[in-house]
Amino acid sequence: MHPGISTTASPAADPAPQEMNIFCVGINHRTAPIEIRERLWFSGEESKAALRDLKETVREAVLVSTCNRTELYFVPSPAGLTGREPWKMLCEYKHADPSVRQEHFYHLDSLYAVKHIYTVASGIDSMVLGDVQILSQMKDAFTLAHDCGTTSILLHRLFDTAFHVGKRARTETEITEGAVSISYAAAELASRIFDDLSRRTAMLIGAGETGKLTARHLTGRSLGHLLIANRTRSRAEDLTKQLGGTVVDFEHIARELAQVDIIISSVESPSYVLSHQDVRLAMKQRSNKPLFIIDIGVPRNIDPKVNTIENVFLHDIDALNHIVDKNLSHRREQVPAIQKIVLEEVEGFKQWHDSLDVTPTIQELRDRFENIRSQELAKHIHHFPSESREEIDMLTKRIINKILHTPMVNLRTGGARTPENDTRTKVFILRHLFGLDRKDSA
């Protein structure tokens, strides 16, 4: 972690090589608990208001805010931040109480900020390793900032390359492969057993959070129909408003087994809500068609012996946890490959940023040589016959072009990646040697 952010910009006339003027201040699941993070969560409208206000202080800004992080990426204006600390600015916008403190934030600049945004976009900085949502959330944040007029060349390039890193992470590695939550693992297993979920019916027993999430994942995979049973019928009715489906009586769930293909059970019960006999009779009624049962209850809701019945597939929370742990382990194995991608792209961004100095330097150097050539030619051209003067003019131009050709090509393309051959250093040396920053130079 970088020690902090400088709040004053380097003087524009300073001839020393300039640091990359990109900063990030943020808070996430590693630096603050949920009760702190939620106080710094920005809605879309709040982000717009904050970005409009920031126009007075920064040249560019993008605000990324999700349930697990709030990060401000910005490029200061030439006048600097005028004493306003970015983390305090975020707190002011949200009227956060004094419990939100500076130690909850991280402060990154230059290539530290670039590397950080790449790790975020790749999914390896997320609470859920390989999170697939963060990339779309970052794209939404950038689009909002672009619409607010707070993006320009630096942050446009930064976010564009971050999206490229995210795409590379997903296509070149298996960081998103396999379910890493109980609910998603259950839905994924159901999809493996039944090719076409749109022709299937599921029954949710209990309205617990994990059960609801599992049902939500199933409906998101085009589940045909959902039945919901809960001891408190009103809660089941409320859930149908969110997920769709039909409420069934909790006391009569055994009667519904003949028509369902998937059961998700997540209730607190001292005894089994479905017995071996219940399921065995249902399988006869359904002509032994496959039945997939997800028992998330603790204690278990379904008699484990039902797993001995032909074409019944029972998975309890331990089995699902084993799948999740295996998938997480596989995702962790992908991290070194993604870190390599991140470092490659950081180097690419650095080279691009360094090249921003090259074009104006080349033009200034050409102008300098042309001025010398034309001045000297004007002083001495009268010594030559008038019929030769046009040829001499062309000849001296060719000489200048040949002298500048090789240095200019090397400056544009770079050389070995060593500190001595760093593009930014070469630009600095070139400008110093030829006095390009001195207005009175000949």
Protein backbone atom coordinates (compact mmCIF):
# COMPACT_ATOMS: atom_id res chain seq x y z
CA MET A 1 0.00 0.00 0.00
CA HIS A 2 1.33 3.35 -0.97
CA PRO A 3 1.90 5.72 1.97
CA GLY A 4 -0.35 8.49 0.70
CA ILE A 5 -1.45 11.04 -1.83
CA SER A 6 0.31 14.30 -2.45
CA THR A 7 -2.21 17.13 -2.39
CA THR A 8 -0.24 19.56 -4.50
CA ALA A 9 0.54 19.17 -8.16
CA SER A 10 4.11 19.50 -9.43
CA PRO A 11 4.84 22.90 -10.97
CA ALA A 12 4.23 22.88 -14.70
CA ALA A 13 7.66 24.42 -15.34
CA ASP A 14 9.57 21.81 -13.33
CA PRO A 15 11.97 20.20 -15.85
CA ALA A 16 12.23 16.94 -13.88
CA PRO A 17 10.34 13.91 -15.23
CA GLN A 18 6.75 14.14 -13.95
CA GLU A 19 5.14 11.34 -11.97
CA MET A 20 1.94 9.81 -13.33
CA ASN A 21 -0.76 12.19 -12.14
CA ILE A 22 -3.38 9.50 -11.35
CA PHE A 23 -4.72 8.93 -7.84
CA CYS A 24 -7.12 6.61 -6.05
CA VAL A 25 -8.65 6.94 -2.59
CA GLY A 26 -10.97 4.19 -1.44
CA ILE A 27 -12.53 1.97 1.16
CA ASN A 28 -13.33 -1.73 0.77
CA HIS A 29 -14.08 -5.00 2.56
CA ARG A 30 -10.44 -5.34 3.62
CA THR A 31 -10.16 -1.93 5.26
CA ALA A 32 -13.60 -1.45 6.85
CA PRO A 33 -16.56 -3.48 8.15
CA ILE A 34 -19.96 -3.34 6.47
CA GLU A 35 -21.35 -0.76 8.94
CA ILE A 36 -18.60 1.63 7.81
CA ARG A 37 -18.76 0.80 4.10
CA GLU A 38 -22.50 1.31 3.87
CA ARG A 39 -22.10 4.90 5.10
CA LEU A 40 -19.87 5.59 2.07
CA TRP A 41 -22.13 3.94 -0.52
CA PHE A 42 -23.14 6.32 -3.32
CA SER A 43 -26.29 5.91 -5.39
CA GLY A 44 -26.22 6.94 -9.04
CA GLU A 45 -27.70 10.36 -8.27
CA GLU A 46 -25.32 10.91 -5.36
CA SER A 47 -22.38 10.00 -7.61
CA LYS A 48 -23.52 12.58 -10.18
CA ALA A 49 -23.74 15.28 -7.53
CA ALA A 50 -20.31 14.43 -6.13
CA LEU A 51 -18.69 14.40 -9.57
CA ARG A 52 -20.21 17.77 -10.47
CA ASP A 53 -18.81 19.24 -7.27
CA LEU A 54 -15.41 17.65 -7.92
CA LYS A 55 -15.14 19.51 -11.24
CA GLU A 56 -14.02 22.52 -9.19
CA THR A 57 -11.09 20.57 -7.72
CA VAL A 58 -9.98 17.90 -10.19
CA ARG A 59 -9.37 17.63 -13.90
CA GLU A 60 -10.82 14.11 -14.17
CA ALA A 61 -12.75 11.84 -11.79
CA VAL A 62 -14.61 8.51 -11.72
CA LEU A 63 -16.45 7.28 -8.61
CA VAL A 64 -16.92 3.51 -8.26
CA SER A 65 -19.34 2.51 -5.49
CA THR A 66 -20.58 -1.04 -4.79
CA CYS A 67 -21.68 -2.94 -1.69
CA ASN A 68 -18.05 -3.84 -0.94
CA ARG A 69 -16.09 -0.77 -2.09
CA THR A 70 -16.20 2.93 -2.78
CA GLU A 71 -13.25 4.26 -4.79
CA LEU A 72 -12.52 7.66 -6.27
CA TYR A 73 -10.09 7.71 -9.19
CA PHE A 74 -9.01 11.22 -10.11
CA VAL A 75 -6.50 13.46 -11.84
CA PRO A 76 -5.94 16.72 -9.91
CA SER A 77 -6.29 20.10 -11.58
CA PRO A 78 -3.05 22.05 -12.18
CA ALA A 79 -3.71 23.98 -8.98
CA GLY A 80 -3.84 20.76 -6.94
CA LEU A 81 -6.49 19.80 -4.40
CA THR A 82 -6.40 23.16 -2.59
CA GLY A 83 -6.17 21.54 0.82
CA ARG A 84 -9.26 19.28 0.51
CA GLU A 85 -8.34 15.72 1.39
CA PRO A 86 -10.18 13.27 -0.91
CA TRP A 87 -11.27 10.89 1.85
CA LYS A 88 -12.78 13.79 3.76
CA MET A 89 -14.55 14.96 0.62
CA LEU A 90 -16.23 11.53 0.29
CA CYS A 91 -17.29 11.66 3.93
CA GLU A 92 -18.69 15.18 3.50
CA TYR A 93 -20.83 14.15 0.52
CA LYS A 94 -22.39 11.33 2.56
CA HIS A 95 -22.53 13.21 5.88
CA ALA A 96 -20.69 10.26 7.40
CA ASP A 97 -20.34 10.36 11.18
CA PRO A 98 -16.95 10.52 12.98
CA SER A 99 -16.75 6.71 13.15
CA VAL A 100 -15.55 6.83 9.52
CA ARG A 101 -11.86 7.62 9.92
CA GLN A 102 -8.82 8.06 7.72
CA GLU A 103 -7.43 4.63 8.63
CA HIS A 104 -10.44 3.04 6.87
CA PHE A 105 -9.14 4.39 3.54
CA TYR A 106 -6.29 3.46 1.23
CA HIS A 107 -4.45 6.14 -0.75
CA LEU A 108 -2.74 5.16 -4.00
CA ASP A 109 -1.03 7.12 -6.73
CA SER A 110 0.80 6.66 -10.03
CA LEU A 111 1.42 3.01 -10.98
CA TYR A 112 0.13 1.89 -7.56
CA ALA A 113 -3.31 3.22 -8.56
CA VAL A 114 -3.04 1.66 -12.03
CA LYS A 115 -2.13 -1.75 -10.62
CA HIS A 116 -4.97 -1.52 -8.10
CA ILE A 117 -7.70 -0.81 -10.64
CA TYR A 118 -6.44 -3.70 -12.77
CA THR A 119 -6.65 -6.13 -9.84
CA VAL A 120 -10.18 -4.88 -9.12
CA ALA A 121 -11.27 -5.31 -12.74
CA SER A 122 -9.78 -8.81 -12.87
CA GLY A 123 -11.86 -9.98 -9.89
CA ILE A 124 -8.95 -10.94 -7.63
CA ASP A 125 -9.52 -8.00 -5.27
CA SER A 126 -13.18 -8.87 -4.65
CA MET A 127 -14.70 -10.35 -1.50
CA VAL A 128 -15.82 -13.26 -3.71
CA LEU A 129 -12.74 -14.26 -5.68
CA GLY A 130 -13.45 -13.93 -9.40
CA ASP A 131 -16.54 -11.75 -8.90
CA VAL A 132 -18.22 -11.37 -12.29
CA GLN A 133 -20.29 -8.31 -11.35
CA ILE A 134 -17.51 -5.85 -10.57
CA LEU A 135 -16.56 -5.30 -14.22
CA SER A 136 -20.08 -4.24 -15.22
CA GLN A 137 -20.28 -2.03 -12.11
CA MET A 138 -17.03 -0.34 -13.12
CA LYS A 139 -18.34 0.19 -16.65
CA ASP A 140 -21.51 1.78 -15.28
CA ALA A 141 -19.42 4.07 -13.06
CA PHE A 142 -17.24 5.15 -15.98
CA THR A 143 -20.26 5.79 -18.21
CA LEU A 144 -21.83 7.96 -15.52
CA ALA A 145 -18.61 9.96 -15.09
CA HIS A 146 -18.27 10.34 -18.86
CA ASP A 147 -21.83 11.67 -19.04
CA CYS A 148 -20.99 14.12 -16.25
CA GLY A 149 -17.99 15.37 -18.23
CA THR A 150 -15.37 14.33 -15.67
CA THR A 151 -13.31 12.02 -17.87
CA SER A 152 -10.58 12.84 -20.35
CA ILE A 153 -7.52 11.20 -21.86
CA LEU A 154 -5.93 9.73 -18.69
CA LEU A 155 -8.95 8.14 -16.99
CA HIS A 156 -10.45 7.17 -20.33
CA ARG A 157 -7.31 5.21 -21.11
CA LEU A 158 -7.05 3.87 -17.54
CA PHE A 159 -10.59 2.46 -17.48
CA ASP A 160 -10.44 1.23 -21.05
CA THR A 161 -7.33 -0.80 -20.24
CA ALA A 162 -8.88 -1.97 -16.94
CA PHE A 163 -11.82 -3.40 -18.88
CA HIS A 164 -9.31 -5.12 -21.17
CA VAL A 165 -7.60 -6.64 -18.11
CA GLY A 166 -10.96 -7.92 -16.87
CA LYS A 167 -11.67 -9.49 -20.25
CA ARG A 168 -8.22 -11.10 -20.37
CA ALA A 169 -8.67 -12.51 -16.85
CA ARG A 170 -11.93 -14.16 -17.87
CA THR A 171 -10.79 -15.49 -21.24
CA GLU A 172 -7.19 -16.48 -20.48
CA THR A 173 -7.78 -18.02 -17.03
CA GLU A 174 -10.53 -19.92 -15.21
CA ILE A 175 -11.00 -17.32 -12.46
CA THR A 176 -14.80 -17.29 -12.92
CA GLU A 177 -15.22 -21.05 -13.26
CA GLY A 178 -17.28 -22.96 -10.69
CA ALA A 179 -19.79 -21.82 -8.09
CA VAL A 180 -18.35 -20.17 -4.97
CA SER A 181 -21.55 -19.70 -2.97
CA ILE A 182 -23.92 -22.31 -1.53
CA SER A 183 -26.91 -20.90 -3.43
CA TYR A 184 -25.11 -20.68 -6.76
CA ALA A 185 -23.62 -24.16 -6.35
CA ALA A 186 -27.10 -25.56 -5.79
CA ALA A 187 -28.48 -23.85 -8.89
CA GLU A 188 -25.49 -25.00 -10.94
CA LEU A 189 -26.01 -28.61 -9.84
CA ALA A 190 -29.69 -28.42 -10.81
CA SER A 191 -28.70 -27.18 -14.26
CA ARG A 192 -26.41 -30.19 -14.70
CA ILE A 193 -29.13 -32.67 -13.79
CA PHE A 194 -31.85 -31.00 -15.90
CA ASP A 195 -30.82 -29.72 -19.31
CA ASP A 196 -33.86 -27.47 -19.74
CA LEU A 197 -34.99 -25.79 -16.51
CA SER A 198 -37.81 -24.00 -18.34
CA ARG A 199 -39.72 -27.32 -18.31
CA ARG A 200 -39.13 -27.92 -14.59
CA THR A 201 -40.91 -27.02 -11.37
CA ALA A 202 -39.11 -26.23 -8.11
CA MET A 203 -40.47 -26.00 -4.58
CA LEU A 204 -38.88 -23.75 -1.98
CA ILE A 205 -39.57 -24.92 1.57
CA GLY A 206 -38.87 -22.07 3.98
CA ALA A 207 -38.02 -18.45 3.22
CA GLY A 208 -34.48 -18.39 4.65
CA GLU A 209 -31.89 -16.18 2.98
CA THR A 210 -29.85 -18.98 1.36
CA GLY A 211 -33.00 -20.71 0.17
CA LYS A 212 -34.27 -17.46 -1.35
CA LEU A 213 -30.95 -16.89 -3.10
CA THR A 214 -31.02 -20.43 -4.51
CA ALA A 215 -34.55 -19.90 -5.80
CA ARG A 216 -33.49 -16.57 -7.28
CA HIS A 217 -30.57 -18.22 -9.11
CA LEU A 218 -32.92 -20.89 -10.45
CA THR A 219 -35.49 -18.39 -11.70
CA GLY A 220 -32.62 -16.48 -13.28
CA ARG A 221 -31.88 -19.64 -15.28
CA SER A 222 -35.41 -19.62 -16.75
CA LEU A 223 -37.02 -22.01 -14.27
CA GLY A 224 -40.47 -23.10 -15.49
CA HIS A 225 -42.45 -22.68 -12.25
CA LEU A 226 -41.78 -22.07 -8.55
CA LEU A 227 -43.81 -23.24 -5.56
CA ILE A 228 -43.18 -21.60 -2.18
CA ALA A 229 -44.12 -23.09 1.19
CA ASN A 230 -43.50 -21.37 4.52
CA ARG A 231 -44.90 -21.81 8.02
CA THR A 232 -45.94 -18.14 7.97
CA ARG A 233 -47.97 -17.99 4.77
CA SER A 234 -47.73 -14.18 4.47
CA ARG A 235 -43.93 -14.41 4.09
CA ALA A 236 -44.36 -16.90 1.26
CA GLU A 237 -46.86 -14.55 -0.40
CA ASP A 238 -44.39 -11.65 -0.07
CA LEU A 239 -41.68 -13.77 -1.69
CA THR A 240 -43.87 -14.63 -4.70
CA LYS A 241 -44.05 -10.88 -5.38
CA GLN A 242 -40.27 -10.87 -5.76
CA LEU A 243 -39.70 -14.18 -7.52
CA GLY A 244 -43.10 -15.06 -8.97
CA GLY A 245 -44.59 -18.49 -8.39
CA THR A 246 -47.38 -20.02 -6.32
CA VAL A 247 -47.86 -20.38 -2.56
CA VAL A 248 -48.60 -23.90 -1.25
CA ASP A 249 -49.58 -24.98 2.27
CA PHE A 250 -46.58 -25.84 4.43
CA GLU A 251 -48.53 -28.68 6.10
CA HIS A 252 -49.20 -30.36 2.76
CA ILE A 253 -45.83 -30.16 1.02
CA ALA A 254 -45.65 -33.97 0.67
CA ARG A 255 -48.66 -33.80 -1.64
CA GLU A 256 -46.76 -31.56 -4.05
CA LEU A 257 -43.79 -33.91 -4.54
CA ALA A 258 -45.33 -35.68 -7.50
CA GLN A 259 -45.33 -32.47 -9.60
CA VAL A 260 -41.94 -30.96 -8.64
CA ASP A 261 -38.50 -31.73 -10.01
CA ILE A 262 -36.39 -29.66 -7.61
CA ILE A 263 -36.76 -29.16 -3.85
CA ILE A 264 -34.92 -26.47 -1.91
CA SER A 265 -35.43 -26.81 1.83
CA SER A 266 -34.16 -24.30 4.39
CA VAL A 267 -36.20 -24.31 7.60
CA GLU A 268 -35.51 -24.67 11.31
CA SER A 269 -37.12 -27.91 12.39
CA PRO A 270 -36.36 -30.44 15.14
CA SER A 271 -37.52 -33.26 12.85
CA TYR A 272 -37.46 -34.05 9.14
CA VAL A 273 -39.99 -32.11 7.04
CA LEU A 274 -39.78 -34.85 4.38
CA SER A 275 -39.29 -38.49 5.33
CA HIS A 276 -37.95 -41.43 3.38
CA GLN A 277 -41.51 -42.70 3.03
CA ASP A 278 -42.76 -39.33 1.67
CA VAL A 279 -40.18 -39.31 -1.09
CA ARG A 280 -40.49 -43.03 -1.92
CA LEU A 281 -44.26 -42.70 -2.43
CA ALA A 282 -43.78 -39.54 -4.52
CA MET A 283 -41.29 -41.32 -6.81
CA LYS A 284 -43.90 -43.99 -7.55
CA GLN A 285 -46.45 -41.30 -8.41
CA ARG A 286 -43.97 -39.52 -10.72
CA SER A 287 -42.99 -42.72 -12.53
CA ASN A 288 -39.49 -42.56 -11.09
CA LYS A 289 -38.59 -39.31 -12.88
CA PRO A 290 -35.45 -37.65 -11.42
CA LEU A 291 -35.89 -35.56 -8.26
CA PHE A 292 -33.17 -33.13 -7.16
CA ILE A 293 -33.22 -32.14 -3.46
CA ILE A 294 -31.12 -29.36 -1.91
CA ASP A 295 -31.18 -29.59 1.89
CA ILE A 296 -29.68 -26.40 3.30
CA GLY A 297 -31.26 -26.79 6.73
CA VAL A 298 -29.27 -27.19 9.95
CA PRO A 299 -30.37 -29.55 11.44
CA ARG A 300 -31.08 -31.34 8.17
CA ASN A 301 -34.64 -31.07 6.86
CA ILE A 302 -34.70 -34.20 4.67
CA ASP A 303 -34.13 -37.76 5.84
CA PRO A 304 -30.64 -38.64 4.48
CA LYS A 305 -31.89 -42.13 3.59
CA VAL A 306 -33.82 -40.70 0.62
CA ASN A 307 -30.47 -40.66 -1.20
CA THR A 308 -30.78 -44.44 -1.47
CA ILE A 309 -33.90 -44.11 -3.63
CA GLU A 310 -33.27 -44.52 -7.35
CA ASN A 311 -33.18 -41.22 -9.33
CA VAL A 312 -33.24 -39.09 -6.17
CA PHE A 313 -30.24 -36.74 -5.91
CA LEU A 314 -29.87 -35.29 -2.40
CA HIS A 315 -27.23 -32.69 -1.53
CA ASP A 316 -26.91 -31.28 1.98
CA ILE A 317 -24.98 -28.17 3.06
CA ASP A 318 -21.76 -30.14 3.67
CA ALA A 319 -21.81 -31.51 0.12
CA LEU A 320 -22.41 -28.03 -1.27
CA ASN A 321 -19.66 -26.56 0.91
CA HIS A 322 -17.27 -29.20 -0.44
CA ILE A 323 -18.12 -28.11 -4.01
CA VAL A 324 -17.64 -24.43 -3.08
CA ASP A 325 -14.29 -25.10 -1.37
CA LYS A 326 -13.04 -27.09 -4.36
CA ASN A 327 -14.07 -24.31 -6.75
CA LEU A 328 -12.49 -21.62 -4.59
CA SER A 329 -9.26 -23.59 -4.46
CA HIS A 330 -9.27 -23.80 -8.24
CA ARG A 331 -9.87 -20.06 -8.53
CA ARG A 332 -6.97 -19.33 -6.16
CA GLU A 333 -4.73 -21.32 -8.48
CA GLN A 334 -5.57 -18.81 -11.25
CA VAL A 335 -4.37 -15.77 -9.26
CA PRO A 336 -0.66 -15.95 -10.26
CA ALA A 337 -1.61 -16.01 -13.96
CA ILE A 338 -3.84 -12.96 -13.47
CA GLN A 339 -1.13 -11.15 -11.51
CA LYS A 340 1.14 -11.69 -14.51
CA ILE A 341 -1.52 -10.19 -16.81
CA VAL A 342 -1.87 -7.22 -14.46
CA LEU A 343 1.88 -6.54 -14.47
CA GLU A 344 2.00 -6.80 -18.27
CA GLU A 345 -0.82 -4.29 -18.60
CA VAL A 346 0.69 -1.94 -16.00
CA GLU A 347 3.90 -1.90 -18.05
CA GLY A 348 1.85 -1.23 -21.18
CA PHE A 349 0.06 1.67 -19.51
CA LYS A 350 3.36 3.10 -18.33
CA GLN A 351 4.78 2.98 -21.84
CA TRP A 352 1.67 4.68 -23.20
CA HIS A 353 1.85 7.36 -20.50
CA ASP A 354 5.54 7.93 -21.12
CA SER A 355 4.86 8.31 -24.84
CA LEU A 356 2.64 11.32 -24.14
CA ASP A 357 5.84 13.36 -23.80
CA VAL A 358 7.37 12.05 -27.05
CA THR A 359 5.30 13.70 -29.80
CA PRO A 360 5.56 17.31 -28.57
CA THR A 361 9.27 16.81 -27.84
CA ILE A 362 9.90 15.52 -31.37
CA GLN A 363 8.03 18.47 -32.86
CA GLU A 364 9.87 20.98 -30.64
CA LEU A 365 13.24 19.44 -31.54
CA ARG A 366 12.42 19.60 -35.26
CA ASP A 367 11.34 23.23 -34.85
CA ARG A 368 14.59 24.00 -33.00
CA PHE A 369 16.75 22.48 -35.76
CA GLU A 370 14.68 24.16 -38.46
CA ASN A 371 15.08 27.54 -36.78
CA ILE A 372 18.86 27.08 -36.62
CA ARG A 373 18.96 25.94 -40.25
CA SER A 374 16.83 28.78 -41.59
CA GLN A 375 18.69 31.43 -39.56
CA GLU A 376 22.11 30.22 -40.70
CA LEU A 377 20.90 29.91 -44.27
CA ALA A 378 19.56 33.45 -44.21
CA LYS A 379 22.95 34.74 -42.97
CA HIS A 380 25.04 33.00 -45.63
CA ILE A 381 22.81 32.33 -48.64
CA HIS A 382 24.01 35.50 -50.39
CA HIS A 383 27.47 33.92 -50.74
CA PHE A 384 26.02 31.45 -53.25
CA PRO A 385 24.82 31.98 -56.82
CA SER A 386 21.10 32.65 -57.05
CA GLU A 387 20.55 29.58 -59.26
CA SER A 388 21.99 27.33 -56.49
CA ARG A 389 20.09 28.74 -53.54
CA GLU A 390 16.95 26.55 -53.89
CA GLU A 391 19.12 23.44 -54.14
CA ILE A 392 21.08 24.49 -51.03
CA ASP A 393 17.80 25.01 -49.16
CA MET A 394 16.66 21.48 -50.04
CA LEU A 395 20.08 20.02 -49.24
CA THR A 396 20.21 21.51 -45.74
CA LYS A 397 16.67 20.26 -45.03
CA ARG A 398 17.71 16.75 -46.03
CA ILE A 399 20.77 16.94 -43.78
CA ILE A 400 18.61 17.96 -40.80
CA ASN A 401 16.11 15.17 -41.54
CA LYS A 402 18.88 12.56 -41.72
CA ILE A 403 20.46 13.79 -38.49
CA LEU A 404 17.11 13.61 -36.65
CA HIS A 405 15.75 10.40 -38.20
CA THR A 406 17.49 7.74 -36.06
CA PRO A 407 17.13 9.57 -32.69
CA MET A 408 13.44 10.22 -33.41
CA VAL A 409 12.74 6.59 -34.34
CA ASN A 410 14.51 5.36 -31.19
CA LEU A 411 12.60 7.86 -29.07
CA ARG A 412 9.25 6.73 -30.47
CA THR A 413 9.87 2.99 -30.29
CA GLY A 414 12.02 2.84 -27.14
CA GLY A 415 14.83 0.41 -26.49
CA ALA A 416 15.72 -2.14 -23.87
CA ARG A 417 13.51 -1.93 -20.79
CA THR A 418 16.17 -0.66 -18.40
CA PRO A 419 16.12 2.49 -16.26
CA GLU A 420 18.77 4.06 -18.52
CA ASN A 421 16.58 3.57 -21.58
CA ASP A 422 13.27 4.58 -19.98
CA THR A 423 11.34 6.72 -22.46
CA ARG A 424 10.49 9.39 -19.93
CA THR A 425 14.14 9.66 -18.85
CA LYS A 426 15.28 9.92 -22.47
CA VAL A 427 12.73 12.67 -23.12
CA PHE A 428 13.97 14.57 -20.07
CA ILE A 429 17.62 14.23 -21.12
CA LEU A 430 16.82 15.26 -24.68
CA ARG A 431 14.89 18.33 -23.57
CA HIS A 432 17.69 19.28 -21.17
CA LEU A 433 20.50 18.78 -23.72
CA PHE A 434 18.80 20.91 -26.36
CA GLY A 435 17.31 23.42 -23.92
CA LEU A 436 13.75 22.83 -25.09
CA ASP A 437 12.30 24.14 -21.81
CA ARG A 438 14.24 27.42 -22.01
CA LYS A 439 12.23 30.05 -23.82
CA ASP A 440 15.31 32.12 -24.70
CA SER A 441 17.17 29.29 -26.42
CA ALA A 442 18.28 29.87 -29.98
